[in-house]
Amino acid sequence: MSEVAQQPQVDVIRLSGGSVARVRRVAPERPWAWLAAGWKDFLAAPGFGLLYGLMFTLGGAGLTLLFWWLDIFWSILPLAAGFMLVAPVLAVGLYETSRRLELGGSVRAADAFGAWWRYVPRLAPMGLVLTLFLMAWARFAQIVFALFFSGNPPRPEPAYVVDLFLSPTSIPFLLIGCAIGGVLAAFVFAISVVSIPVMMDRDINVVSAIGLSLATVKRNFWVMALWAWLIVLFAGAGIATLYLGLMVTLPILGHATWHAYRDLITWED
């Protein structure tokens, strides 16, 4: 980004490629409106939404069973947290569905699922960035686990797992793990909350998109903090129901993210 001009309710941001974005300051309750719009889009294309969510339900359940079978049960929680880091780029098909519904067009599964391929040249750098954060999180989780358990993984028996998380000795382990994951998740949220919809909607490079996303979070800090908590709540509820809830919560969040972008950013053509 090359120039920022402050206005009472809008930041006018001139991007390096010549595009001019207007970042709006929105009311604190706007995240609820985004969720309502996401729910409306989900109802408008329920078959696609459920199918999209089912893919991630099956993927999460499959990886959990695999980790259990490989006797690396301790990796399941980092897996769930890591999903949150890369979810923004996995929801491209949902953004495309909302974009088409907004334009009044029809929604076909081929168009929505094909969005990944159509936008690969634009989104690949952002996918790489999020993948690097996922790899960093996996390494941090491995290190923290090794420090507290000396390389001896907890057994997957339910009674042992309950004792593990209720034991006073597990408190530092959980606090440190949550702190590291929270910092990574907060930063990933800040750089990706609108950057991927922006890169789908406009031919903008990843650096400019990330800068615009950071400017949006700065302009609407408490609104975006609420939005982040709602994302964690909905995604966490989906994961906690043995991934079944993701069939509904993930599509709603994906659709709502598109509406958040459209509410927060306008363009001067």
Protein backbone atom coordinates (compact mmCIF):
# COMPACT_ATOMS: atom_id res chain seq x y z
CA MET A 1 0.00 0.00 0.00
CA SER A 2 1.29 3.44 -0.86
CA GLU A 3 -1.07 6.03 0.67
CA VAL A 4 -3.76 6.22 3.33
CA ALA A 5 -6.09 9.21 3.72
CA GLN A 6 -8.06 9.36 6.97
CA GLN A 7 -11.76 10.26 6.99
CA PRO A 8 -14.25 10.12 9.90
CA GLN A 9 -15.93 6.87 8.80
CA VAL A 10 -13.80 5.66 5.89
CA ASP A 11 -10.12 5.03 5.19
CA VAL A 12 -9.27 5.54 1.54
CA ILE A 13 -6.40 3.21 0.69
CA ARG A 14 -4.52 3.42 -2.58
CA LEU A 15 -2.95 0.09 -3.44
CA SER A 16 0.27 -0.34 -5.35
CA GLY A 17 -1.51 -1.58 -8.48
CA GLY A 18 -3.62 1.57 -8.76
CA SER A 19 -6.80 0.19 -7.15
CA VAL A 20 -8.47 2.38 -4.55
CA ALA A 21 -10.25 0.71 -1.63
CA ARG A 22 -12.48 2.35 0.94
CA VAL A 23 -12.40 0.63 4.34
CA ARG A 24 -15.59 1.43 6.23
CA ARG A 25 -16.03 1.68 9.96
CA VAL A 26 -19.08 -0.45 10.73
CA ALA A 27 -21.36 -0.72 13.74
CA PRO A 28 -20.35 -3.14 16.53
CA GLU A 29 -23.30 -5.44 15.89
CA ARG A 30 -22.55 -6.00 12.20
CA PRO A 31 -21.06 -9.54 12.67
CA TRP A 32 -24.55 -10.75 13.56
CA ALA A 33 -25.85 -9.34 10.28
CA TRP A 34 -23.06 -11.17 8.44
CA LEU A 35 -24.13 -14.42 10.07
CA ALA A 36 -27.76 -13.75 9.15
CA ALA A 37 -26.72 -13.14 5.54
CA GLY A 38 -24.64 -16.33 5.64
CA TRP A 39 -27.63 -18.28 6.88
CA LYS A 40 -29.76 -16.81 4.09
CA ASP A 41 -27.21 -17.91 1.47
CA PHE A 42 -27.03 -21.35 3.05
CA LEU A 43 -30.81 -21.69 2.70
CA ALA A 44 -30.60 -20.44 -0.89
CA ALA A 45 -28.20 -23.24 -1.85
CA PRO A 46 -28.56 -25.86 0.91
CA GLY A 47 -27.53 -28.85 -1.16
CA PHE A 48 -24.20 -27.33 -2.09
CA GLY A 49 -23.59 -26.05 1.45
CA LEU A 50 -24.28 -29.43 3.02
CA LEU A 51 -22.12 -31.19 0.45
CA TYR A 52 -19.29 -28.73 1.04
CA GLY A 53 -19.58 -29.16 4.80
CA LEU A 54 -19.77 -32.94 4.44
CA MET A 55 -16.39 -32.98 2.74
CA PHE A 56 -14.77 -31.41 5.78
CA THR A 57 -16.78 -33.53 8.20
CA LEU A 58 -15.53 -36.69 6.52
CA GLY A 59 -12.01 -35.29 6.25
CA GLY A 60 -11.84 -34.37 9.93
CA ALA A 61 -13.33 -37.67 11.06
CA GLY A 62 -11.00 -39.61 8.79
CA LEU A 63 -7.87 -37.86 10.05
CA THR A 64 -9.00 -38.33 13.67
CA LEU A 65 -9.46 -42.07 13.15
CA LEU A 66 -6.12 -42.25 11.39
CA PHE A 67 -4.31 -40.50 14.24
CA TRP A 68 -6.02 -42.79 16.75
CA TRP A 69 -4.97 -45.85 14.75
CA LEU A 70 -1.39 -44.58 14.44
CA ASP A 71 -1.30 -44.04 18.21
CA ILE A 72 -0.70 -40.30 17.88
CA PHE A 73 -3.93 -39.37 19.61
CA TRP A 74 -2.30 -36.23 21.03
CA SER A 75 -2.27 -34.76 17.50
CA ILE A 76 -6.06 -34.52 17.28
CA LEU A 77 -6.34 -31.22 19.17
CA PRO A 78 -3.54 -29.54 17.17
CA LEU A 79 -5.26 -30.86 14.05
CA ALA A 80 -8.52 -29.15 15.03
CA ALA A 81 -6.69 -25.90 15.80
CA GLY A 82 -4.66 -26.13 12.60
CA PHE A 83 -7.86 -26.45 10.57
CA MET A 84 -8.77 -22.94 11.73
CA LEU A 85 -5.56 -21.58 10.24
CA VAL A 86 -6.15 -22.85 6.70
CA ALA A 87 -9.97 -22.72 6.67
CA PRO A 88 -10.10 -19.28 4.97
CA VAL A 89 -8.56 -20.61 1.77
CA LEU A 90 -10.57 -23.84 1.90
CA ALA A 91 -13.84 -21.91 1.82
CA VAL A 92 -13.30 -20.41 -1.65
CA GLY A 93 -16.27 -22.29 -3.08
CA LEU A 94 -18.55 -20.77 -0.45
CA TYR A 95 -17.33 -17.25 -1.22
CA GLU A 96 -17.99 -17.91 -4.91
CA THR A 97 -21.51 -19.12 -4.14
CA SER A 98 -22.31 -15.95 -2.18
CA ARG A 99 -20.78 -13.82 -4.93
CA ARG A 100 -23.03 -15.43 -7.54
CA LEU A 101 -26.11 -15.16 -5.34
CA GLU A 102 -25.33 -11.48 -4.76
CA LEU A 103 -25.21 -10.90 -8.52
CA GLY A 104 -28.53 -12.68 -8.93
CA GLY A 105 -27.05 -15.54 -10.91
CA SER A 106 -27.62 -19.25 -10.60
CA VAL A 107 -25.40 -21.43 -8.44
CA ARG A 108 -24.09 -24.66 -9.88
CA ALA A 109 -21.88 -27.10 -8.03
CA ALA A 110 -19.41 -27.05 -10.92
CA ASP A 111 -19.02 -23.28 -10.63
CA ALA A 112 -18.56 -23.32 -6.87
CA PHE A 113 -16.19 -26.29 -6.69
CA GLY A 114 -14.38 -25.05 -9.79
CA ALA A 115 -13.62 -21.75 -8.03
CA TRP A 116 -10.48 -23.33 -6.56
CA TRP A 117 -9.08 -23.87 -10.07
CA ARG A 118 -10.23 -20.56 -11.50
CA TYR A 119 -8.58 -18.53 -8.77
CA VAL A 120 -5.42 -20.61 -8.32
CA PRO A 121 -3.08 -18.01 -9.88
CA ARG A 122 -4.36 -15.35 -7.48
CA LEU A 123 -4.82 -17.43 -4.35
CA ALA A 124 -1.82 -19.79 -4.50
CA PRO A 125 0.52 -17.32 -2.70
CA MET A 126 -2.01 -16.84 0.10
CA GLY A 127 -2.48 -20.60 0.34
CA LEU A 128 1.27 -20.95 0.72
CA VAL A 129 1.34 -18.33 3.49
CA LEU A 130 -1.40 -20.11 5.44
CA THR A 131 0.27 -23.48 4.91
CA LEU A 132 3.49 -22.11 6.37
CA PHE A 133 1.59 -20.96 9.44
CA LEU A 134 0.02 -24.42 9.71
CA MET A 135 3.47 -26.03 9.55
CA ALA A 136 4.76 -23.62 12.19
CA TRP A 137 1.82 -24.48 14.46
CA ALA A 138 2.43 -28.21 14.00
CA ARG A 139 6.09 -27.76 14.96
CA PHE A 140 5.26 -25.63 18.00
CA ALA A 141 2.67 -28.19 19.12
CA GLN A 142 5.21 -30.98 18.77
CA ILE A 143 7.80 -29.07 20.79
CA VAL A 144 5.37 -28.17 23.58
CA PHE A 145 4.16 -31.76 23.77
CA ALA A 146 7.71 -33.10 23.93
CA LEU A 147 8.62 -30.68 26.73
CA PHE A 148 5.73 -31.73 28.93
CA PHE A 149 5.53 -35.43 28.13
CA SER A 150 9.18 -36.23 27.39
CA GLY A 151 8.20 -37.81 24.09
CA ASN A 152 5.80 -40.29 25.74
CA PRO A 153 2.36 -39.74 24.17
CA PRO A 154 -0.74 -40.13 26.34
CA ARG A 155 -2.73 -43.27 25.72
CA PRO A 156 -6.03 -42.80 23.89
CA GLU A 157 -8.18 -44.51 26.52
CA PRO A 158 -11.05 -42.15 27.50
CA ALA A 159 -10.32 -42.38 31.24
CA TYR A 160 -6.69 -41.46 30.71
CA VAL A 161 -7.61 -38.51 28.51
CA VAL A 162 -10.03 -37.17 31.14
CA ASP A 163 -7.36 -37.50 33.83
CA LEU A 164 -4.87 -35.75 31.57
CA PHE A 165 -6.98 -32.64 31.10
CA LEU A 166 -8.25 -32.49 34.67
CA SER A 167 -4.85 -32.99 36.28
CA PRO A 168 -3.20 -29.86 37.79
CA THR A 169 0.02 -30.77 36.00
CA SER A 170 -1.72 -30.33 32.65
CA ILE A 171 -2.56 -26.68 33.29
CA PRO A 172 0.83 -25.26 32.14
CA PHE A 173 0.70 -27.53 29.09
CA LEU A 174 -2.75 -26.29 28.11
CA LEU A 175 -1.97 -22.65 28.88
CA ILE A 176 1.21 -22.57 26.83
CA GLY A 177 -0.33 -24.51 23.97
CA CYS A 178 -3.39 -22.25 23.88
CA ALA A 179 -1.24 -19.12 24.13
CA ILE A 180 0.95 -20.11 21.17
CA GLY A 181 -2.04 -21.24 19.13
CA GLY A 182 -3.97 -18.11 20.03
CA VAL A 183 -1.20 -15.79 18.88
CA LEU A 184 -0.82 -17.63 15.58
CA ALA A 185 -4.58 -17.77 15.04
CA ALA A 186 -5.00 -14.05 15.79
CA PHE A 187 -2.32 -13.10 13.29
CA VAL A 188 -3.69 -15.43 10.62
CA PHE A 189 -7.16 -13.99 11.19
CA ALA A 190 -5.85 -10.45 10.79
CA ILE A 191 -4.09 -11.15 7.49
CA SER A 192 -6.80 -13.34 5.96
CA VAL A 193 -10.16 -12.10 7.24
CA VAL A 194 -10.91 -10.26 3.97
CA SER A 195 -7.79 -10.88 1.88
CA ILE A 196 -9.03 -14.00 0.10
CA PRO A 197 -12.42 -12.53 -0.92
CA VAL A 198 -10.52 -9.41 -2.01
CA MET A 199 -8.18 -11.46 -4.23
CA MET A 200 -11.16 -13.27 -5.74
CA ASP A 201 -13.00 -10.04 -6.43
CA ARG A 202 -10.05 -7.97 -7.66
CA ASP A 203 -6.77 -8.70 -9.41
CA ILE A 204 -4.64 -7.72 -6.40
CA ASN A 205 -1.39 -9.28 -5.23
CA VAL A 206 -1.08 -11.07 -1.92
CA VAL A 207 0.96 -8.33 -0.22
CA SER A 208 -1.64 -5.66 -1.00
CA ALA A 209 -4.48 -7.98 0.04
CA ILE A 210 -2.82 -8.74 3.37
CA GLY A 211 -2.15 -5.05 3.95
CA LEU A 212 -5.78 -4.24 3.22
CA SER A 213 -6.93 -6.97 5.59
CA LEU A 214 -4.71 -5.59 8.37
CA ALA A 215 -6.03 -2.08 7.73
CA THR A 216 -9.59 -3.40 7.96
CA VAL A 217 -8.91 -5.05 11.32
CA LYS A 218 -7.22 -1.88 12.60
CA ARG A 219 -10.14 0.27 11.48
CA ASN A 220 -12.73 -2.04 13.09
CA PHE A 221 -10.75 -3.66 15.89
CA TRP A 222 -13.55 -4.50 18.33
CA VAL A 223 -15.95 -5.49 15.57
CA MET A 224 -13.37 -7.88 14.16
CA ALA A 225 -12.61 -9.21 17.64
CA LEU A 226 -16.28 -10.15 17.99
CA TRP A 227 -16.23 -11.68 14.52
CA ALA A 228 -13.17 -13.75 15.43
CA TRP A 229 -14.86 -15.06 18.58
CA LEU A 230 -17.99 -15.96 16.63
CA ILE A 231 -15.88 -17.87 14.11
CA VAL A 232 -14.16 -19.78 16.91
CA LEU A 233 -17.52 -20.47 18.57
CA PHE A 234 -19.23 -21.76 15.43
CA ALA A 235 -16.24 -23.74 14.18
CA GLY A 236 -15.58 -25.13 17.66
CA ALA A 237 -19.22 -26.22 17.98
CA GLY A 238 -18.95 -27.95 14.63
CA ILE A 239 -15.80 -29.81 15.64
CA ALA A 240 -17.10 -30.66 19.13
CA THR A 241 -20.09 -32.51 17.63
CA LEU A 242 -17.70 -35.08 16.15
CA TYR A 243 -17.37 -32.84 13.09
CA LEU A 244 -21.05 -33.32 12.18
CA GLY A 245 -21.88 -29.72 12.99
CA LEU A 246 -19.37 -28.54 10.38
CA MET A 247 -21.90 -29.52 7.73
CA VAL A 248 -23.90 -26.43 8.77
CA THR A 249 -21.54 -24.11 10.65
CA LEU A 250 -18.77 -24.13 8.03
CA PRO A 251 -21.01 -23.08 5.10
CA ILE A 252 -22.64 -20.37 7.20
CA LEU A 253 -19.25 -18.95 8.19
CA GLY A 254 -17.98 -19.12 4.62
CA HIS A 255 -20.98 -17.28 3.23
CA ALA A 256 -20.86 -14.77 6.09
CA THR A 257 -17.20 -14.03 5.38
CA TRP A 258 -18.07 -12.89 1.87
CA HIS A 259 -20.74 -10.55 3.27
CA ALA A 260 -18.27 -9.24 5.84
CA TYR A 261 -15.90 -8.31 3.02
CA ARG A 262 -18.65 -6.60 1.04
CA ASP A 263 -19.78 -4.68 4.12
CA LEU A 264 -16.30 -3.55 5.14
CA ILE A 265 -14.71 -2.67 1.80
CA THR A 266 -15.93 -0.78 -1.24
CA TRP A 267 -13.98 0.17 -4.34
CA GLU A 268 -13.50 3.31 -6.38
CA ASP A 269 -13.63 2.19 -9.99
